[in-house]
Amino acid sequence: MGYLGLVPSEHSSGGTIRRGGITKTGNREARRMLIEAAWSYQYPARIAKEKAEILVRLPKKIRDIALEGTDQIV
């Protein structure tokens, strides 16, 4: 996590510990991609209306393969 710069900054002295935001050191592109991936998991996968209409016309076996790993029911 330190390589990506995703650890909080810290200003400590004695018994006092003060932590700040992420340090933003390290590989900027790797940090951006990791954060984008984390944001994408915030929302469930959705199927567009046009694609849902196509899926309804497909055989059940193919639909099951297409929707594998999602919580979608068509």
PDB file of N, CA and C in Angstrom:
ATOM      1  N   MET A   1       0.825  -1.184   0.000  1.00  0.00           N
ATOM      2  CA  MET A   1       0.000   0.000   0.000  1.00  0.00           C
ATOM      3  C   MET A   1       0.872   1.252   0.000  1.00  0.00           C
ATOM      4  N   GLY A   2       2.002   1.173   0.640  1.00  0.00           N
ATOM      5  CA  GLY A   2       2.904   2.313   0.637  1.00  0.00           C
ATOM      6  C   GLY A   2       3.461   2.607  -0.746  1.00  0.00           C
ATOM      7  N   TYR A   3       3.675   1.554  -1.537  1.00  0.00           N
ATOM      8  CA  TYR A   3       4.190   1.735  -2.899  1.00  0.00           C
ATOM      9  C   TYR A   3       3.209   2.534  -3.750  1.00  0.00           C
ATOM     10  N   LEU A   4       1.917   2.318  -3.519  1.00  0.00           N
ATOM     11  CA  LEU A   4       0.892   3.029  -4.293  1.00  0.00           C
ATOM     12  C   LEU A   4       0.551   4.394  -3.698  1.00  0.00           C
ATOM     13  N   GLY A   5       0.988   4.661  -2.488  1.00  0.00           N
ATOM     14  CA  GLY A   5       0.675   5.939  -1.861  1.00  0.00           C
ATOM     15  C   GLY A   5      -0.702   5.946  -1.244  1.00  0.00           C
ATOM     16  N   LEU A   6      -1.174   4.780  -0.798  1.00  0.00           N
ATOM     17  CA  LEU A   6      -2.518   4.685  -0.223  1.00  0.00           C
ATOM     18  C   LEU A   6      -2.501   4.569   1.296  1.00  0.00           C
ATOM     19  N   VAL A   7      -1.415   4.954   1.905  1.00  0.00           N
ATOM     20  CA  VAL A   7      -1.359   4.961   3.367  1.00  0.00           C
ATOM     21  C   VAL A   7      -1.587   6.391   3.849  1.00  0.00           C
ATOM     22  N   PRO A   8      -2.188   6.564   5.027  1.00  0.00           N
ATOM     23  CA  PRO A   8      -2.421   7.921   5.504  1.00  0.00           C
ATOM     24  C   PRO A   8      -1.118   8.597   5.940  1.00  0.00           C
ATOM     25  N   SER A   9      -1.060   9.907   5.769  1.00  0.00           N
ATOM     26  CA  SER A   9       0.092  10.646   6.291  1.00  0.00           C
ATOM     27  C   SER A   9      -0.050  10.698   7.803  1.00  0.00           C
ATOM     28  N   GLU A  10       1.073  10.850   8.491  1.00  0.00           N
ATOM     29  CA  GLU A  10       1.025  10.825   9.946  1.00  0.00           C
ATOM     30  C   GLU A  10       1.989  11.848  10.520  1.00  0.00           C
ATOM     31  N   HIS A  11       1.505  12.597  11.491  1.00  0.00           N
ATOM     32  CA  HIS A  11       2.324  13.560  12.226  1.00  0.00           C
ATOM     33  C   HIS A  11       2.182  13.212  13.697  1.00  0.00           C
ATOM     34  N   SER A  12       3.146  12.450  14.211  1.00  0.00           N
ATOM     35  CA  SER A  12       3.065  11.955  15.576  1.00  0.00           C
ATOM     36  C   SER A  12       4.197  12.513  16.417  1.00  0.00           C
ATOM     37  N   SER A  13       3.880  12.725  17.677  1.00  0.00           N
ATOM     38  CA  SER A  13       4.875  13.178  18.629  1.00  0.00           C
ATOM     39  C   SER A  13       4.465  12.678  20.008  1.00  0.00           C
ATOM     40  N   GLY A  14       5.308  11.851  20.595  1.00  0.00           N
ATOM     41  CA  GLY A  14       4.989  11.309  21.911  1.00  0.00           C
ATOM     42  C   GLY A  14       3.742  10.447  21.850  1.00  0.00           C
ATOM     43  N   GLY A  15       2.781  10.756  22.711  1.00  0.00           N
ATOM     44  CA  GLY A  15       1.533   9.988  22.756  1.00  0.00           C
ATOM     45  C   GLY A  15       0.484  10.490  21.780  1.00  0.00           C
ATOM     46  N   THR A  16       0.775  11.584  21.090  1.00  0.00           N
ATOM     47  CA  THR A  16      -0.195  12.164  20.164  1.00  0.00           C
ATOM     48  C   THR A  16       0.005  11.586  18.766  1.00  0.00           C
ATOM     49  N   ILE A  17      -1.078  11.113  18.188  1.00  0.00           N
ATOM     50  CA  ILE A  17      -1.028  10.584  16.824  1.00  0.00           C
ATOM     51  C   ILE A  17      -2.030  11.353  15.981  1.00  0.00           C
ATOM     52  N   ARG A  18      -1.552  11.970  14.937  1.00  0.00           N
ATOM     53  CA  ARG A  18      -2.434  12.689  14.007  1.00  0.00           C
ATOM     54  C   ARG A  18      -2.253  12.102  12.622  1.00  0.00           C
ATOM     55  N   ARG A  19      -3.345  11.599  12.051  1.00  0.00           N
ATOM     56  CA  ARG A  19      -3.285  11.026  10.708  1.00  0.00           C
ATOM     57  C   ARG A  19      -4.047  11.912   9.738  1.00  0.00           C
ATOM     58  N   GLY A  20      -3.496  12.042   8.538  1.00  0.00           N
ATOM     59  CA  GLY A  20      -4.124  12.848   7.503  1.00  0.00           C
ATOM     60  C   GLY A  20      -4.625  11.990   6.355  1.00  0.00           C
ATOM     61  N   GLY A  21      -4.772  12.594   5.189  1.00  0.00           N
ATOM     62  CA  GLY A  21      -5.230  11.891   3.999  1.00  0.00           C
ATOM     63  C   GLY A  21      -4.146  11.014   3.418  1.00  0.00           C
ATOM     64  N   ILE A  22      -4.457  10.348   2.295  1.00  0.00           N
ATOM     65  CA  ILE A  22      -3.465   9.488   1.666  1.00  0.00           C
ATOM     66  C   ILE A  22      -2.297  10.332   1.173  1.00  0.00           C
ATOM     67  N   THR A  23      -1.120   9.726   1.114  1.00  0.00           N
ATOM     68  CA  THR A  23       0.099  10.488   0.861  1.00  0.00           C
ATOM     69  C   THR A  23       0.318  10.842  -0.601  1.00  0.00           C
ATOM     70  N   LYS A  24      -0.282  10.085  -1.525  1.00  0.00           N
ATOM     71  CA  LYS A  24      -0.131  10.331  -2.967  1.00  0.00           C
ATOM     72  C   LYS A  24       1.322  10.229  -3.434  1.00  0.00           C
ATOM     73  N   THR A  25       2.102   9.379  -2.794  1.00  0.00           N
ATOM     74  CA  THR A  25       3.442   9.097  -3.276  1.00  0.00           C
ATOM     75  C   THR A  25       3.377   7.810  -4.076  1.00  0.00           C
ATOM     76  N   GLY A  26       4.369   7.491  -4.815  1.00  0.00           N
ATOM     77  CA  GLY A  26       4.380   6.240  -5.556  1.00  0.00           C
ATOM     78  C   GLY A  26       3.801   6.384  -6.953  1.00  0.00           C
ATOM     79  N   ASN A  27       3.370   5.283  -7.507  1.00  0.00           N
ATOM     80  CA  ASN A  27       2.915   5.206  -8.875  1.00  0.00           C
ATOM     81  C   ASN A  27       1.513   5.801  -9.011  1.00  0.00           C
ATOM     82  N   ARG A  28       1.415   6.945  -9.665  1.00  0.00           N
ATOM     83  CA  ARG A  28       0.148   7.672  -9.794  1.00  0.00           C
ATOM     84  C   ARG A  28      -0.893   6.892 -10.597  1.00  0.00           C
ATOM     85  N   GLU A  29      -0.466   6.268 -11.696  1.00  0.00           N
ATOM     86  CA  GLU A  29      -1.410   5.532 -12.548  1.00  0.00           C
ATOM     87  C   GLU A  29      -1.943   4.290 -11.838  1.00  0.00           C
ATOM     88  N   ALA A  30      -1.076   3.568 -11.133  1.00  0.00           N
ATOM     89  CA  ALA A  30      -1.523   2.378 -10.403  1.00  0.00           C
ATOM     90  C   ALA A  30      -2.506   2.769  -9.304  1.00  0.00           C
ATOM     91  N   ARG A  31      -2.237   3.873  -8.611  1.00  0.00           N
ATOM     92  CA  ARG A  31      -3.141   4.350  -7.559  1.00  0.00           C
ATOM     93  C   ARG A  31      -4.481   4.741  -8.156  1.00  0.00           C
ATOM     94  N   ARG A  32      -4.474   5.427  -9.294  1.00  0.00           N
ATOM     95  CA  ARG A  32      -5.718   5.864  -9.929  1.00  0.00           C
ATOM     96  C   ARG A  32      -6.561   4.663 -10.352  1.00  0.00           C
ATOM     97  N   MET A  33      -5.907   3.655 -10.945  1.00  0.00           N
ATOM     98  CA  MET A  33      -6.644   2.473 -11.391  1.00  0.00           C
ATOM     99  C   MET A  33      -7.224   1.696 -10.219  1.00  0.00           C
ATOM    100  N   LEU A  34      -6.491   1.583  -9.125  1.00  0.00           N
ATOM    101  CA  LEU A  34      -6.986   0.877  -7.954  1.00  0.00           C
ATOM    102  C   LEU A  34      -8.178   1.605  -7.347  1.00  0.00           C
ATOM    103  N   ILE A  35      -8.115   2.919  -7.272  1.00  0.00           N
ATOM    104  CA  ILE A  35      -9.215   3.700  -6.717  1.00  0.00           C
ATOM    105  C   ILE A  35     -10.438   3.631  -7.628  1.00  0.00           C
ATOM    106  N   GLU A  36     -10.235   3.703  -8.948  1.00  0.00           N
ATOM    107  CA  GLU A  36     -11.354   3.580  -9.890  1.00  0.00           C
ATOM    108  C   GLU A  36     -12.027   2.222  -9.756  1.00  0.00           C
ATOM    109  N   ALA A  37     -11.227   1.167  -9.595  1.00  0.00           N
ATOM    110  CA  ALA A  37     -11.789  -0.175  -9.435  1.00  0.00           C
ATOM    111  C   ALA A  37     -12.608  -0.256  -8.147  1.00  0.00           C
ATOM    112  N   ALA A  38     -12.118   0.356  -7.089  1.00  0.00           N
ATOM    113  CA  ALA A  38     -12.860   0.343  -5.829  1.00  0.00           C
ATOM    114  C   ALA A  38     -14.185   1.085  -5.968  1.00  0.00           C
ATOM    115  N   TRP A  39     -14.194   2.213  -6.662  1.00  0.00           N
ATOM    116  CA  TRP A  39     -15.436   2.958  -6.874  1.00  0.00           C
ATOM    117  C   TRP A  39     -16.422   2.153  -7.705  1.00  0.00           C
ATOM    118  N   SER A  40     -15.931   1.378  -8.668  1.00  0.00           N
ATOM    119  CA  SER A  40     -16.842   0.621  -9.527  1.00  0.00           C
ATOM    120  C   SER A  40     -17.581  -0.459  -8.747  1.00  0.00           C
ATOM    121  N   TYR A  41     -17.012  -0.959  -7.658  1.00  0.00           N
ATOM    122  CA  TYR A  41     -17.680  -1.967  -6.843  1.00  0.00           C
ATOM    123  C   TYR A  41     -18.755  -1.367  -5.954  1.00  0.00           C
ATOM    124  N   GLN A  42     -18.861  -0.075  -5.908  1.00  0.00           N
ATOM    125  CA  GLN A  42     -19.868   0.576  -5.068  1.00  0.00           C
ATOM    126  C   GLN A  42     -21.274   0.325  -5.600  1.00  0.00           C
ATOM    127  N   TYR A  43     -21.410   0.179  -6.901  1.00  0.00           N
ATOM    128  CA  TYR A  43     -22.721   0.006  -7.522  1.00  0.00           C
ATOM    129  C   TYR A  43     -22.814  -1.374  -8.168  1.00  0.00           C
ATOM    130  N   PRO A  44     -24.000  -2.012  -8.108  1.00  0.00           N
ATOM    131  CA  PRO A  44     -24.143  -3.329  -8.741  1.00  0.00           C
ATOM    132  C   PRO A  44     -24.135  -3.212 -10.260  1.00  0.00           C
ATOM    133  N   ALA A  45     -23.779  -4.295 -10.920  1.00  0.00           N
ATOM    134  CA  ALA A  45     -23.786  -4.310 -12.382  1.00  0.00           C
ATOM    135  C   ALA A  45     -25.225  -4.211 -12.874  1.00  0.00           C
ATOM    136  N   ARG A  46     -25.438  -3.440 -13.934  1.00  0.00           N
ATOM    137  CA  ARG A  46     -26.774  -3.277 -14.494  1.00  0.00           C
ATOM    138  C   ARG A  46     -26.748  -3.671 -15.964  1.00  0.00           C
ATOM    139  N   ILE A  47     -27.920  -4.032 -16.466  1.00  0.00           N
ATOM    140  CA  ILE A  47     -28.062  -4.377 -17.867  1.00  0.00           C
ATOM    141  C   ILE A  47     -28.955  -3.332 -18.513  1.00  0.00           C
ATOM    142  N   ALA A  48     -28.498  -2.768 -19.624  1.00  0.00           N
ATOM    143  CA  ALA A  48     -29.283  -1.762 -20.337  1.00  0.00           C
ATOM    144  C   ALA A  48     -30.582  -2.391 -20.846  1.00  0.00           C
ATOM    145  N   LYS A  49     -31.630  -1.579 -21.018  1.00  0.00           N
ATOM    146  CA  LYS A  49     -32.926  -2.090 -21.468  1.00  0.00           C
ATOM    147  C   LYS A  49     -32.814  -2.809 -22.806  1.00  0.00           C
ATOM    148  N   GLU A  50     -32.028  -2.232 -23.723  1.00  0.00           N
ATOM    149  CA  GLU A  50     -31.878  -2.859 -25.035  1.00  0.00           C
ATOM    150  C   GLU A  50     -31.225  -4.235 -24.919  1.00  0.00           C
ATOM    151  N   LYS A  51     -30.222  -4.354 -24.081  1.00  0.00           N
ATOM    152  CA  LYS A  51     -29.540  -5.637 -23.896  1.00  0.00           C
ATOM    153  C   LYS A  51     -30.456  -6.634 -23.181  1.00  0.00           C
ATOM    154  N   ALA A  52     -31.258  -6.172 -22.226  1.00  0.00           N
ATOM    155  CA  ALA A  52     -32.179  -7.058 -21.515  1.00  0.00           C
ATOM    156  C   ALA A  52     -33.199  -7.645 -22.485  1.00  0.00           C
ATOM    157  N   GLU A  53     -33.660  -6.843 -23.438  1.00  0.00           N
ATOM    158  CA  GLU A  53     -34.617  -7.346 -24.433  1.00  0.00           C
ATOM    159  C   GLU A  53     -33.979  -8.430 -25.297  1.00  0.00           C
ATOM    160  N   ILE A  54     -32.711  -8.273 -25.625  1.00  0.00           N
ATOM    161  CA  ILE A  54     -32.001  -9.282 -26.414  1.00  0.00           C
ATOM    162  C   ILE A  54     -31.811 -10.556 -25.584  1.00  0.00           C
ATOM    163  N   LEU A  55     -31.453 -10.397 -24.306  1.00  0.00           N
ATOM    164  CA  LEU A  55     -31.221 -11.555 -23.441  1.00  0.00           C
ATOM    165  C   LEU A  55     -32.483 -12.397 -23.258  1.00  0.00           C
ATOM    166  N   VAL A  56     -33.653 -11.758 -23.212  1.00  0.00           N
ATOM    167  CA  VAL A  56     -34.900 -12.488 -23.013  1.00  0.00           C
ATOM    168  C   VAL A  56     -35.147 -13.452 -24.174  1.00  0.00           C
ATOM    169  N   ARG A  57     -34.702 -13.081 -25.365  1.00  0.00           N
ATOM    170  CA  ARG A  57     -34.928 -13.909 -26.548  1.00  0.00           C
ATOM    171  C   ARG A  57     -33.924 -15.055 -26.684  1.00  0.00           C
ATOM    172  N   LEU A  58     -32.871 -15.054 -25.906  1.00  0.00           N
ATOM    173  CA  LEU A  58     -31.844 -16.101 -25.994  1.00  0.00           C
ATOM    174  C   LEU A  58     -32.256 -17.335 -25.197  1.00  0.00           C
ATOM    175  N   PRO A  59     -31.726 -18.501 -25.548  1.00  0.00           N
ATOM    176  CA  PRO A  59     -31.994 -19.711 -24.755  1.00  0.00           C
ATOM    177  C   PRO A  59     -31.473 -19.553 -23.324  1.00  0.00           C
ATOM    178  N   LYS A  60     -32.141 -20.222 -22.385  1.00  0.00           N
ATOM    179  CA  LYS A  60     -31.793 -20.086 -20.969  1.00  0.00           C
ATOM    180  C   LYS A  60     -30.333 -20.438 -20.689  1.00  0.00           C
ATOM    181  N   LYS A  61     -29.805 -21.454 -21.338  1.00  0.00           N
ATOM    182  CA  LYS A  61     -28.421 -21.868 -21.097  1.00  0.00           C
ATOM    183  C   LYS A  61     -27.441 -20.733 -21.432  1.00  0.00           C
ATOM    184  N   ILE A  62     -27.687 -20.043 -22.532  1.00  0.00           N
ATOM    185  CA  ILE A  62     -26.819 -18.932 -22.930  1.00  0.00           C
ATOM    186  C   ILE A  62     -26.990 -17.757 -21.978  1.00  0.00           C
ATOM    187  N   ARG A  63     -28.239 -17.482 -21.555  1.00  0.00           N
ATOM    188  CA  ARG A  63     -28.481 -16.404 -20.579  1.00  0.00           C
ATOM    189  C   ARG A  63     -27.736 -16.660 -19.282  1.00  0.00           C
ATOM    190  N   ASP A  64     -27.759 -17.914 -18.829  1.00  0.00           N
ATOM    191  CA  ASP A  64     -27.068 -18.254 -17.573  1.00  0.00           C
ATOM    192  C   ASP A  64     -25.567 -17.997 -17.681  1.00  0.00           C
ATOM    193  N   ILE A  65     -24.978 -18.320 -18.823  1.00  0.00           N
ATOM    194  CA  ILE A  65     -23.551 -18.071 -19.030  1.00  0.00           C
ATOM    195  C   ILE A  65     -23.284 -16.568 -19.069  1.00  0.00           C
ATOM    196  N   ALA A  66     -24.142 -15.818 -19.758  1.00  0.00           N
ATOM    197  CA  ALA A  66     -23.948 -14.374 -19.895  1.00  0.00           C
ATOM    198  C   ALA A  66     -24.064 -13.653 -18.558  1.00  0.00           C
ATOM    199  N   LEU A  67     -24.943 -14.134 -17.686  1.00  0.00           N
ATOM    200  CA  LEU A  67     -25.185 -13.452 -16.415  1.00  0.00           C
ATOM    201  C   LEU A  67     -24.408 -14.071 -15.255  1.00  0.00           C
ATOM    202  N   GLU A  68     -23.520 -14.998 -15.555  1.00  0.00           N
ATOM    203  CA  GLU A  68     -22.728 -15.646 -14.524  1.00  0.00           C
ATOM    204  C   GLU A  68     -21.893 -14.617 -13.767  1.00  0.00           C
ATOM    205  N   GLY A  69     -21.949 -14.653 -12.460  1.00  0.00           N
ATOM    206  CA  GLY A  69     -21.168 -13.728 -11.646  1.00  0.00           C
ATOM    207  C   GLY A  69     -21.893 -12.420 -11.338  1.00  0.00           C
ATOM    208  N   THR A  70     -23.122 -12.256 -11.831  1.00  0.00           N
ATOM    209  CA  THR A  70     -23.905 -11.063 -11.513  1.00  0.00           C
ATOM    210  C   THR A  70     -25.125 -11.477 -10.717  1.00  0.00           C
ATOM    211  N   ASP A  71     -25.799 -10.522 -10.132  1.00  0.00           N
ATOM    212  CA  ASP A  71     -27.027 -10.796  -9.386  1.00  0.00           C
ATOM    213  C   ASP A  71     -28.261 -10.493 -10.227  1.00  0.00           C
ATOM    214  N   GLN A  72     -28.080 -10.340 -11.539  1.00  0.00           N
ATOM    215  CA  GLN A  72     -29.180  -9.987 -12.432  1.00  0.00           C
ATOM    216  C   GLN A  72     -30.052 -11.203 -12.729  1.00  0.00           C
ATOM    217  N   ILE A  73     -31.347 -10.959 -12.808  1.00  0.00           N
ATOM    218  CA  ILE A  73     -32.303 -11.996 -13.199  1.00  0.00           C
ATOM    219  C   ILE A  73     -33.080 -11.447 -14.375  1.00  0.00           C
ATOM    220  N   VAL A  74     -33.032 -12.164 -15.480  1.00  0.00           N
ATOM    221  CA  VAL A  74     -33.778 -11.744 -16.674  1.00  0.00           C
ATOM    222  C   VAL A  74     -34.687 -12.861 -17.085  1.00  0.00           C
TER     223      VAL A  74
END
